[in-house]
Amino acid sequence: MQRHNAIREGVIAGMIGAAAVALWFFILDVVQGRLFFTPAALGSGFLRGARGIGEVEISTVTVGGYTLVHIMAFALVGVLAASLIHAAEKRPVILLGAILL
């Protein structure tokens, strides 16, 4: 049986998830004619404390900063999920707890 690495597998799964979500919002932004608006809005709110649409700043700093947060969050969730799955292989009751969580 091949050994599994929860960190490697989790990061890969997280990157796939992050790319899928980013692509979805990129498509929505292109259709609406507001390129990079979604990551700029999230970045402006998260990094600069923007409270309304008028405060959204579409810049490299806001888009890039939020993209880094987005990638790290998905990687962290991926590693957590992979770790739970690997632990559940040894103790199936953990899987039930993870599902309920």
PDB file of N, CA and C in Angstrom:
ATOM      1  N   MET A   1       0.834  -1.181   0.000  1.00  0.00           N
ATOM      2  CA  MET A   1       0.000   0.000   0.000  1.00  0.00           C
ATOM      3  C   MET A   1       0.882   1.250   0.000  1.00  0.00           C
ATOM      4  N   GLN A   2       0.523   2.194  -0.828  1.00  0.00           N
ATOM      5  CA  GLN A   2       1.298   3.419  -0.953  1.00  0.00           C
ATOM      6  C   GLN A   2       1.085   4.318   0.268  1.00  0.00           C
ATOM      7  N   ARG A   3       2.174   4.925   0.733  1.00  0.00           N
ATOM      8  CA  ARG A   3       2.061   5.870   1.853  1.00  0.00           C
ATOM      9  C   ARG A   3       1.462   7.179   1.355  1.00  0.00           C
ATOM     10  N   HIS A   4       0.644   7.760   2.178  1.00  0.00           N
ATOM     11  CA  HIS A   4       0.006   9.014   1.828  1.00  0.00           C
ATOM     12  C   HIS A   4       0.651  10.152   2.610  1.00  0.00           C
ATOM     13  N   ASN A   5       0.684  11.295   2.009  1.00  0.00           N
ATOM     14  CA  ASN A   5       1.188  12.489   2.654  1.00  0.00           C
ATOM     15  C   ASN A   5       0.033  13.489   2.711  1.00  0.00           C
ATOM     16  N   ALA A   6      -0.541  13.674   3.876  1.00  0.00           N
ATOM     17  CA  ALA A   6      -1.724  14.523   4.031  1.00  0.00           C
ATOM     18  C   ALA A   6      -1.434  15.965   3.636  1.00  0.00           C
ATOM     19  N   ILE A   7      -0.244  16.442   3.924  1.00  0.00           N
ATOM     20  CA  ILE A   7       0.075  17.826   3.582  1.00  0.00           C
ATOM     21  C   ILE A   7       0.126  18.000   2.066  1.00  0.00           C
ATOM     22  N   ARG A   8       0.850  17.122   1.385  1.00  0.00           N
ATOM     23  CA  ARG A   8       0.952  17.224  -0.076  1.00  0.00           C
ATOM     24  C   ARG A   8      -0.412  17.080  -0.723  1.00  0.00           C
ATOM     25  N   GLU A   9      -1.147  16.062  -0.322  1.00  0.00           N
ATOM     26  CA  GLU A   9      -2.461  15.820  -0.907  1.00  0.00           C
ATOM     27  C   GLU A   9      -3.430  16.952  -0.582  1.00  0.00           C
ATOM     28  N   GLY A  10      -3.363  17.473   0.633  1.00  0.00           N
ATOM     29  CA  GLY A  10      -4.241  18.566   1.031  1.00  0.00           C
ATOM     30  C   GLY A  10      -3.951  19.852   0.280  1.00  0.00           C
ATOM     31  N   VAL A  11      -2.679  20.147   0.107  1.00  0.00           N
ATOM     32  CA  VAL A  11      -2.307  21.358  -0.638  1.00  0.00           C
ATOM     33  C   VAL A  11      -2.753  21.232  -2.087  1.00  0.00           C
ATOM     34  N   ILE A  12      -2.557  20.073  -2.688  1.00  0.00           N
ATOM     35  CA  ILE A  12      -2.986  19.871  -4.075  1.00  0.00           C
ATOM     36  C   ILE A  12      -4.506  20.026  -4.183  1.00  0.00           C
ATOM     37  N   ALA A  13      -5.245  19.397  -3.284  1.00  0.00           N
ATOM     38  CA  ALA A  13      -6.706  19.526  -3.304  1.00  0.00           C
ATOM     39  C   ALA A  13      -7.126  20.975  -3.072  1.00  0.00           C
ATOM     40  N   GLY A  14      -6.454  21.651  -2.165  1.00  0.00           N
ATOM     41  CA  GLY A  14      -6.748  23.058  -1.903  1.00  0.00           C
ATOM     42  C   GLY A  14      -6.488  23.938  -3.106  1.00  0.00           C
ATOM     43  N   MET A  15      -5.402  23.665  -3.825  1.00  0.00           N
ATOM     44  CA  MET A  15      -5.083  24.463  -5.022  1.00  0.00           C
ATOM     45  C   MET A  15      -6.119  24.246  -6.125  1.00  0.00           C
ATOM     46  N   ILE A  16      -6.578  23.014  -6.245  1.00  0.00           N
ATOM     47  CA  ILE A  16      -7.626  22.732  -7.238  1.00  0.00           C
ATOM     48  C   ILE A  16      -8.905  23.481  -6.861  1.00  0.00           C
ATOM     49  N   GLY A  17      -9.278  23.431  -5.596  1.00  0.00           N
ATOM     50  CA  GLY A  17     -10.462  24.154  -5.137  1.00  0.00           C
ATOM     51  C   GLY A  17     -10.312  25.658  -5.298  1.00  0.00           C
ATOM     52  N   ALA A  18      -9.154  26.195  -4.937  1.00  0.00           N
ATOM     53  CA  ALA A  18      -8.917  27.639  -5.059  1.00  0.00           C
ATOM     54  C   ALA A  18      -8.991  28.074  -6.515  1.00  0.00           C
ATOM     55  N   ALA A  19      -8.406  27.270  -7.415  1.00  0.00           N
ATOM     56  CA  ALA A  19      -8.433  27.603  -8.836  1.00  0.00           C
ATOM     57  C   ALA A  19      -9.855  27.566  -9.388  1.00  0.00           C
ATOM     58  N   ALA A  20     -10.634  26.589  -8.955  1.00  0.00           N
ATOM     59  CA  ALA A  20     -12.019  26.475  -9.437  1.00  0.00           C
ATOM     60  C   ALA A  20     -12.847  27.683  -9.006  1.00  0.00           C
ATOM     61  N   VAL A  21     -12.723  28.083  -7.752  1.00  0.00           N
ATOM     62  CA  VAL A  21     -13.481  29.238  -7.255  1.00  0.00           C
ATOM     63  C   VAL A  21     -13.005  30.519  -7.935  1.00  0.00           C
ATOM     64  N   ALA A  22     -11.688  30.683  -8.061  1.00  0.00           N
ATOM     65  CA  ALA A  22     -11.153  31.874  -8.719  1.00  0.00           C
ATOM     66  C   ALA A  22     -11.607  31.950 -10.172  1.00  0.00           C
ATOM     67  N   LEU A  23     -11.595  30.833 -10.865  1.00  0.00           N
ATOM     68  CA  LEU A  23     -12.044  30.808 -12.262  1.00  0.00           C
ATOM     69  C   LEU A  23     -13.521  31.170 -12.353  1.00  0.00           C
ATOM     70  N   TRP A  24     -14.342  30.636 -11.458  1.00  0.00           N
ATOM     71  CA  TRP A  24     -15.768  30.940 -11.449  1.00  0.00           C
ATOM     72  C   TRP A  24     -16.000  32.449 -11.276  1.00  0.00           C
ATOM     73  N   PHE A  25     -15.347  33.061 -10.298  1.00  0.00           N
ATOM     74  CA  PHE A  25     -15.535  34.494 -10.088  1.00  0.00           C
ATOM     75  C   PHE A  25     -14.915  35.319 -11.208  1.00  0.00           C
ATOM     76  N   PHE A  26     -13.838  34.845 -11.811  1.00  0.00           N
ATOM     77  CA  PHE A  26     -13.258  35.542 -12.956  1.00  0.00           C
ATOM     78  C   PHE A  26     -14.253  35.566 -14.116  1.00  0.00           C
ATOM     79  N   ILE A  27     -14.891  34.425 -14.367  1.00  0.00           N
ATOM     80  CA  ILE A  27     -15.895  34.354 -15.444  1.00  0.00           C
ATOM     81  C   ILE A  27     -17.051  35.307 -15.140  1.00  0.00           C
ATOM     82  N   LEU A  28     -17.543  35.294 -13.912  1.00  0.00           N
ATOM     83  CA  LEU A  28     -18.623  36.216 -13.540  1.00  0.00           C
ATOM     84  C   LEU A  28     -18.213  37.676 -13.717  1.00  0.00           C
ATOM     85  N   ASP A  29     -17.001  38.006 -13.315  1.00  0.00           N
ATOM     86  CA  ASP A  29     -16.523  39.386 -13.457  1.00  0.00           C
ATOM     87  C   ASP A  29     -16.396  39.786 -14.925  1.00  0.00           C
ATOM     88  N   VAL A  30     -15.918  38.875 -15.778  1.00  0.00           N
ATOM     89  CA  VAL A  30     -15.794  39.170 -17.211  1.00  0.00           C
ATOM     90  C   VAL A  30     -17.175  39.383 -17.820  1.00  0.00           C
ATOM     91  N   VAL A  31     -18.124  38.516 -17.493  1.00  0.00           N
ATOM     92  CA  VAL A  31     -19.486  38.632 -18.025  1.00  0.00           C
ATOM     93  C   VAL A  31     -20.111  39.966 -17.615  1.00  0.00           C
ATOM     94  N   GLN A  32     -19.840  40.405 -16.399  1.00  0.00           N
ATOM     95  CA  GLN A  32     -20.400  41.659 -15.905  1.00  0.00           C
ATOM     96  C   GLN A  32     -19.588  42.879 -16.326  1.00  0.00           C
ATOM     97  N   GLY A  33     -18.459  42.639 -17.015  1.00  0.00           N
ATOM     98  CA  GLY A  33     -17.630  43.744 -17.491  1.00  0.00           C
ATOM     99  C   GLY A  33     -16.832  44.444 -16.400  1.00  0.00           C
ATOM    100  N   ARG A  34     -16.555  43.745 -15.306  1.00  0.00           N
ATOM    101  CA  ARG A  34     -15.797  44.316 -14.183  1.00  0.00           C
ATOM    102  C   ARG A  34     -14.629  43.392 -13.854  1.00  0.00           C
ATOM    103  N   LEU A  35     -13.598  43.421 -14.676  1.00  0.00           N
ATOM    104  CA  LEU A  35     -12.454  42.522 -14.540  1.00  0.00           C
ATOM    105  C   LEU A  35     -11.816  42.645 -13.154  1.00  0.00           C
ATOM    106  N   PHE A  36     -11.647  41.518 -12.480  1.00  0.00           N
ATOM    107  CA  PHE A  36     -11.023  41.400 -11.154  1.00  0.00           C
ATOM    108  C   PHE A  36     -11.786  42.126 -10.051  1.00  0.00           C
ATOM    109  N   PHE A  37     -13.075  42.392 -10.261  1.00  0.00           N
ATOM    110  CA  PHE A  37     -13.831  43.116  -9.237  1.00  0.00           C
ATOM    111  C   PHE A  37     -13.998  42.282  -7.966  1.00  0.00           C
ATOM    112  N   THR A  38     -14.315  41.004  -8.108  1.00  0.00           N
ATOM    113  CA  THR A  38     -14.572  40.178  -6.919  1.00  0.00           C
ATOM    114  C   THR A  38     -13.357  40.080  -6.008  1.00  0.00           C
ATOM    115  N   PRO A  39     -12.160  39.713  -6.523  1.00  0.00           N
ATOM    116  CA  PRO A  39     -11.019  39.676  -5.596  1.00  0.00           C
ATOM    117  C   PRO A  39     -10.646  41.068  -5.092  1.00  0.00           C
ATOM    118  N   ALA A  40     -10.889  42.099  -5.904  1.00  0.00           N
ATOM    119  CA  ALA A  40     -10.601  43.465  -5.444  1.00  0.00           C
ATOM    120  C   ALA A  40     -11.548  43.858  -4.316  1.00  0.00           C
ATOM    121  N   ALA A  41     -12.837  43.493  -4.456  1.00  0.00           N
ATOM    122  CA  ALA A  41     -13.808  43.813  -3.408  1.00  0.00           C
ATOM    123  C   ALA A  41     -13.480  43.064  -2.122  1.00  0.00           C
ATOM    124  N   LEU A  42     -13.185  41.776  -2.246  1.00  0.00           N
ATOM    125  CA  LEU A  42     -12.844  40.985  -1.060  1.00  0.00           C
ATOM    126  C   LEU A  42     -11.530  41.468  -0.441  1.00  0.00           C
ATOM    127  N   GLY A  43     -10.555  41.779  -1.287  1.00  0.00           N
ATOM    128  CA  GLY A  43      -9.282  42.296  -0.798  1.00  0.00           C
ATOM    129  C   GLY A  43      -9.421  43.663  -0.156  1.00  0.00           C
ATOM    130  N   SER A  44     -10.238  44.515  -0.748  1.00  0.00           N
ATOM    131  CA  SER A  44     -10.453  45.846  -0.168  1.00  0.00           C
ATOM    132  C   SER A  44     -11.112  45.733   1.197  1.00  0.00           C
ATOM    133  N   GLY A  45     -12.067  44.844   1.318  1.00  0.00           N
ATOM    134  CA  GLY A  45     -12.738  44.661   2.606  1.00  0.00           C
ATOM    135  C   GLY A  45     -11.846  44.002   3.636  1.00  0.00           C
ATOM    136  N   PHE A  46     -11.144  42.958   3.208  1.00  0.00           N
ATOM    137  CA  PHE A  46     -10.329  42.177   4.135  1.00  0.00           C
ATOM    138  C   PHE A  46      -9.041  42.896   4.521  1.00  0.00           C
ATOM    139  N   LEU A  47      -8.377  43.509   3.551  1.00  0.00           N
ATOM    140  CA  LEU A  47      -7.063  44.104   3.796  1.00  0.00           C
ATOM    141  C   LEU A  47      -7.115  45.593   4.122  1.00  0.00           C
ATOM    142  N   ARG A  48      -8.121  46.288   3.591  1.00  0.00           N
ATOM    143  CA  ARG A  48      -8.176  47.739   3.767  1.00  0.00           C
ATOM    144  C   ARG A  48      -9.383  48.213   4.571  1.00  0.00           C
ATOM    145  N   GLY A  49     -10.260  47.291   4.940  1.00  0.00           N
ATOM    146  CA  GLY A  49     -11.411  47.656   5.749  1.00  0.00           C
ATOM    147  C   GLY A  49     -12.511  48.396   5.004  1.00  0.00           C
ATOM    148  N   ALA A  50     -12.587  48.215   3.686  1.00  0.00           N
ATOM    149  CA  ALA A  50     -13.635  48.872   2.906  1.00  0.00           C
ATOM    150  C   ALA A  50     -14.997  48.401   3.395  1.00  0.00           C
ATOM    151  N   ARG A  51     -15.952  49.322   3.436  1.00  0.00           N
ATOM    152  CA  ARG A  51     -17.278  48.983   3.943  1.00  0.00           C
ATOM    153  C   ARG A  51     -18.359  49.083   2.879  1.00  0.00           C
ATOM    154  N   GLY A  52     -18.020  49.551   1.699  1.00  0.00           N
ATOM    155  CA  GLY A  52     -19.023  49.686   0.653  1.00  0.00           C
ATOM    156  C   GLY A  52     -18.404  49.571  -0.720  1.00  0.00           C
ATOM    157  N   ILE A  53     -19.266  49.475  -1.726  1.00  0.00           N
ATOM    158  CA  ILE A  53     -18.805  49.283  -3.087  1.00  0.00           C
ATOM    159  C   ILE A  53     -17.989  50.472  -3.587  1.00  0.00           C
ATOM    160  N   GLY A  54     -18.265  51.636  -3.055  1.00  0.00           N
ATOM    161  CA  GLY A  54     -17.525  52.829  -3.453  1.00  0.00           C
ATOM    162  C   GLY A  54     -16.087  52.833  -2.967  1.00  0.00           C
ATOM    163  N   GLU A  55     -15.776  51.996  -2.004  1.00  0.00           N
ATOM    164  CA  GLU A  55     -14.424  51.945  -1.444  1.00  0.00           C
ATOM    165  C   GLU A  55     -13.569  50.833  -2.041  1.00  0.00           C
ATOM    166  N   VAL A  56     -14.123  50.106  -3.019  1.00  0.00           N
ATOM    167  CA  VAL A  56     -13.373  49.012  -3.637  1.00  0.00           C
ATOM    168  C   VAL A  56     -12.266  49.590  -4.515  1.00  0.00           C
ATOM    169  N   GLU A  57     -11.063  49.098  -4.290  1.00  0.00           N
ATOM    170  CA  GLU A  57      -9.903  49.534  -5.062  1.00  0.00           C
ATOM    171  C   GLU A  57      -9.381  48.364  -5.886  1.00  0.00           C
ATOM    172  N   ILE A  58      -9.514  48.465  -7.205  1.00  0.00           N
ATOM    173  CA  ILE A  58      -9.011  47.405  -8.082  1.00  0.00           C
ATOM    174  C   ILE A  58      -7.550  47.731  -8.387  1.00  0.00           C
ATOM    175  N   SER A  59      -6.658  47.097  -7.629  1.00  0.00           N
ATOM    176  CA  SER A  59      -5.227  47.324  -7.798  1.00  0.00           C
ATOM    177  C   SER A  59      -4.481  46.010  -7.609  1.00  0.00           C
ATOM    178  N   THR A  60      -3.236  46.019  -7.976  1.00  0.00           N
ATOM    179  CA  THR A  60      -2.399  44.830  -7.815  1.00  0.00           C
ATOM    180  C   THR A  60      -2.296  44.425  -6.348  1.00  0.00           C
ATOM    181  N   VAL A  61      -2.226  45.401  -5.471  1.00  0.00           N
ATOM    182  CA  VAL A  61      -2.082  45.116  -4.037  1.00  0.00           C
ATOM    183  C   VAL A  61      -3.335  44.427  -3.498  1.00  0.00           C
ATOM    184  N   THR A  62      -4.518  44.947  -3.800  1.00  0.00           N
ATOM    185  CA  THR A  62      -5.736  44.342  -3.257  1.00  0.00           C
ATOM    186  C   THR A  62      -6.027  42.995  -3.892  1.00  0.00           C
ATOM    187  N   VAL A  63      -5.885  42.912  -5.223  1.00  0.00           N
ATOM    188  CA  VAL A  63      -6.157  41.639  -5.903  1.00  0.00           C
ATOM    189  C   VAL A  63      -5.105  40.603  -5.522  1.00  0.00           C
ATOM    190  N   GLY A  64      -3.842  40.986  -5.567  1.00  0.00           N
ATOM    191  CA  GLY A  64      -2.761  40.051  -5.217  1.00  0.00           C
ATOM    192  C   GLY A  64      -2.791  39.648  -3.758  1.00  0.00           C
ATOM    193  N   GLY A  65      -3.047  40.613  -2.881  1.00  0.00           N
ATOM    194  CA  GLY A  65      -3.118  40.313  -1.450  1.00  0.00           C
ATOM    195  C   GLY A  65      -4.248  39.350  -1.135  1.00  0.00           C
ATOM    196  N   TYR A  66      -5.418  39.612  -1.710  1.00  0.00           N
ATOM    197  CA  TYR A  66      -6.532  38.703  -1.455  1.00  0.00           C
ATOM    198  C   TYR A  66      -6.276  37.330  -2.080  1.00  0.00           C
ATOM    199  N   THR A  67      -5.643  37.300  -3.239  1.00  0.00           N
ATOM    200  CA  THR A  67      -5.335  36.017  -3.882  1.00  0.00           C
ATOM    201  C   THR A  67      -4.448  35.169  -2.976  1.00  0.00           C
ATOM    202  N   LEU A  68      -3.478  35.777  -2.329  1.00  0.00           N
ATOM    203  CA  LEU A  68      -2.625  35.033  -1.393  1.00  0.00           C
ATOM    204  C   LEU A  68      -3.433  34.496  -0.217  1.00  0.00           C
ATOM    205  N   VAL A  69      -4.326  35.314   0.323  1.00  0.00           N
ATOM    206  CA  VAL A  69      -5.184  34.869   1.430  1.00  0.00           C
ATOM    207  C   VAL A  69      -6.075  33.718   0.956  1.00  0.00           C
ATOM    208  N   HIS A  70      -6.640  33.849  -0.233  1.00  0.00           N
ATOM    209  CA  HIS A  70      -7.509  32.844  -0.837  1.00  0.00           C
ATOM    210  C   HIS A  70      -6.776  31.502  -0.977  1.00  0.00           C
ATOM    211  N   ILE A  71      -5.572  31.546  -1.514  1.00  0.00           N
ATOM    212  CA  ILE A  71      -4.776  30.328  -1.724  1.00  0.00           C
ATOM    213  C   ILE A  71      -4.417  29.682  -0.382  1.00  0.00           C
ATOM    214  N   MET A  72      -3.977  30.484   0.568  1.00  0.00           N
ATOM    215  CA  MET A  72      -3.595  29.937   1.873  1.00  0.00           C
ATOM    216  C   MET A  72      -4.801  29.318   2.584  1.00  0.00           C
ATOM    217  N   ALA A  73      -5.946  29.959   2.499  1.00  0.00           N
ATOM    218  CA  ALA A  73      -7.139  29.423   3.157  1.00  0.00           C
ATOM    219  C   ALA A  73      -7.540  28.084   2.547  1.00  0.00           C
ATOM    220  N   PHE A  74      -7.535  28.001   1.222  1.00  0.00           N
ATOM    221  CA  PHE A  74      -7.903  26.750   0.575  1.00  0.00           C
ATOM    222  C   PHE A  74      -6.874  25.660   0.865  1.00  0.00           C
ATOM    223  N   ALA A  75      -5.593  26.010   0.893  1.00  0.00           N
ATOM    224  CA  ALA A  75      -4.562  25.019   1.209  1.00  0.00           C
ATOM    225  C   ALA A  75      -4.743  24.503   2.633  1.00  0.00           C
ATOM    226  N   LEU A  76      -5.042  25.395   3.554  1.00  0.00           N
ATOM    227  CA  LEU A  76      -5.246  24.997   4.947  1.00  0.00           C
ATOM    228  C   LEU A  76      -6.450  24.078   5.092  1.00  0.00           C
ATOM    229  N   VAL A  77      -7.544  24.419   4.453  1.00  0.00           N
ATOM    230  CA  VAL A  77      -8.737  23.565   4.506  1.00  0.00           C
ATOM    231  C   VAL A  77      -8.461  22.221   3.841  1.00  0.00           C
ATOM    232  N   GLY A  78      -7.708  22.230   2.736  1.00  0.00           N
ATOM    233  CA  GLY A  78      -7.351  20.981   2.060  1.00  0.00           C
ATOM    234  C   GLY A  78      -6.515  20.075   2.941  1.00  0.00           C
ATOM    235  N   VAL A  79      -5.537  20.648   3.635  1.00  0.00           N
ATOM    236  CA  VAL A  79      -4.692  19.852   4.534  1.00  0.00           C
ATOM    237  C   VAL A  79      -5.524  19.306   5.699  1.00  0.00           C
ATOM    238  N   LEU A  80      -6.412  20.120   6.231  1.00  0.00           N
ATOM    239  CA  LEU A  80      -7.285  19.658   7.308  1.00  0.00           C
ATOM    240  C   LEU A  80      -8.165  18.501   6.837  1.00  0.00           C
ATOM    241  N   ALA A  81      -8.767  18.643   5.657  1.00  0.00           N
ATOM    242  CA  ALA A  81      -9.630  17.585   5.126  1.00  0.00           C
ATOM    243  C   ALA A  81      -8.836  16.307   4.861  1.00  0.00           C
ATOM    244  N   ALA A  82      -7.650  16.447   4.253  1.00  0.00           N
ATOM    245  CA  ALA A  82      -6.832  15.268   3.973  1.00  0.00           C
ATOM    246  C   ALA A  82      -6.397  14.587   5.270  1.00  0.00           C
ATOM    247  N   SER A  83      -6.076  15.371   6.271  1.00  0.00           N
ATOM    248  CA  SER A  83      -5.682  14.795   7.563  1.00  0.00           C
ATOM    249  C   SER A  83      -6.833  14.026   8.198  1.00  0.00           C
ATOM    250  N   LEU A  84      -8.044  14.580   8.121  1.00  0.00           N
ATOM    251  CA  LEU A  84      -9.211  13.880   8.662  1.00  0.00           C
ATOM    252  C   LEU A  84      -9.469  12.575   7.913  1.00  0.00           C
ATOM    253  N   ILE A  85      -9.338  12.607   6.610  1.00  0.00           N
ATOM    254  CA  ILE A  85      -9.558  11.398   5.807  1.00  0.00           C
ATOM    255  C   ILE A  85      -8.524  10.334   6.161  1.00  0.00           C
ATOM    256  N   HIS A  86      -7.262  10.734   6.276  1.00  0.00           N
ATOM    257  CA  HIS A  86      -6.215   9.763   6.618  1.00  0.00           C
ATOM    258  C   HIS A  86      -6.412   9.206   8.035  1.00  0.00           C
ATOM    259  N   ALA A  87      -6.839  10.062   8.955  1.00  0.00           N
ATOM    260  CA  ALA A  87      -7.098   9.583  10.314  1.00  0.00           C
ATOM    261  C   ALA A  87      -8.286   8.630  10.321  1.00  0.00           C
ATOM    262  N   ALA A  88      -9.272   8.901   9.477  1.00  0.00           N
ATOM    263  CA  ALA A  88     -10.457   8.046   9.411  1.00  0.00           C
ATOM    264  C   ALA A  88     -10.149   6.670   8.835  1.00  0.00           C
ATOM    265  N   GLU A  89      -9.074   6.568   8.055  1.00  0.00           N
ATOM    266  CA  GLU A  89      -8.681   5.255   7.538  1.00  0.00           C
ATOM    267  C   GLU A  89      -8.258   4.340   8.680  1.00  0.00           C
ATOM    268  N   LYS A  90      -7.695   4.920   9.724  1.00  0.00           N
ATOM    269  CA  LYS A  90      -7.246   4.139  10.876  1.00  0.00           C
ATOM    270  C   LYS A  90      -8.355   3.954  11.902  1.00  0.00           C
ATOM    271  N   ARG A  91      -9.185   4.973  12.055  1.00  0.00           N
ATOM    272  CA  ARG A  91     -10.290   4.941  13.011  1.00  0.00           C
ATOM    273  C   ARG A  91     -11.547   5.458  12.314  1.00  0.00           C
ATOM    274  N   PRO A  92     -12.360   4.572  11.797  1.00  0.00           N
ATOM    275  CA  PRO A  92     -13.547   5.001  11.029  1.00  0.00           C
ATOM    276  C   PRO A  92     -14.502   5.911  11.794  1.00  0.00           C
ATOM    277  N   VAL A  93     -14.505   5.856  13.100  1.00  0.00           N
ATOM    278  CA  VAL A  93     -15.400   6.724  13.866  1.00  0.00           C
ATOM    279  C   VAL A  93     -15.032   8.206  13.644  1.00  0.00           C
ATOM    280  N   ILE A  94     -13.797   8.480  13.327  1.00  0.00           N
ATOM    281  CA  ILE A  94     -13.377   9.856  13.036  1.00  0.00           C
ATOM    282  C   ILE A  94     -14.088  10.372  11.803  1.00  0.00           C
ATOM    283  N   LEU A  95     -14.275   9.515  10.812  1.00  0.00           N
ATOM    284  CA  LEU A  95     -14.977   9.912   9.592  1.00  0.00           C
ATOM    285  C   LEU A  95     -16.397  10.336   9.914  1.00  0.00           C
ATOM    286  N   LEU A  96     -17.078   9.589  10.768  1.00  0.00           N
ATOM    287  CA  LEU A  96     -18.421   9.952  11.160  1.00  0.00           C
ATOM    288  C   LEU A  96     -18.410  11.323  11.852  1.00  0.00           C
ATOM    289  N   GLY A  97     -17.469  11.544  12.723  1.00  0.00           N
ATOM    290  CA  GLY A  97     -17.354  12.842  13.392  1.00  0.00           C
ATOM    291  C   GLY A  97     -17.071  13.970  12.413  1.00  0.00           C
ATOM    292  N   ALA A  98     -16.219  13.714  11.440  1.00  0.00           N
ATOM    293  CA  ALA A  98     -15.898  14.725  10.422  1.00  0.00           C
ATOM    294  C   ALA A  98     -17.109  15.047   9.581  1.00  0.00           C
ATOM    295  N   ILE A  99     -17.884  14.039   9.221  1.00  0.00           N
ATOM    296  CA  ILE A  99     -19.094  14.252   8.429  1.00  0.00           C
ATOM    297  C   ILE A  99     -20.099  15.074   9.225  1.00  0.00           C
ATOM    298  N   LEU A 100     -20.261  14.740  10.490  1.00  0.00           N
ATOM    299  CA  LEU A 100     -21.190  15.502  11.335  1.00  0.00           C
ATOM    300  C   LEU A 100     -20.719  16.931  11.538  1.00  0.00           C
ATOM    301  N   LEU A 101     -19.420  17.125  11.603  1.00  0.00           N
ATOM    302  CA  LEU A 101     -18.864  18.469  11.745  1.00  0.00           C
ATOM    303  C   LEU A 101     -19.170  19.287  10.528  1.00  0.00           C
TER     304      LEU A 101
END
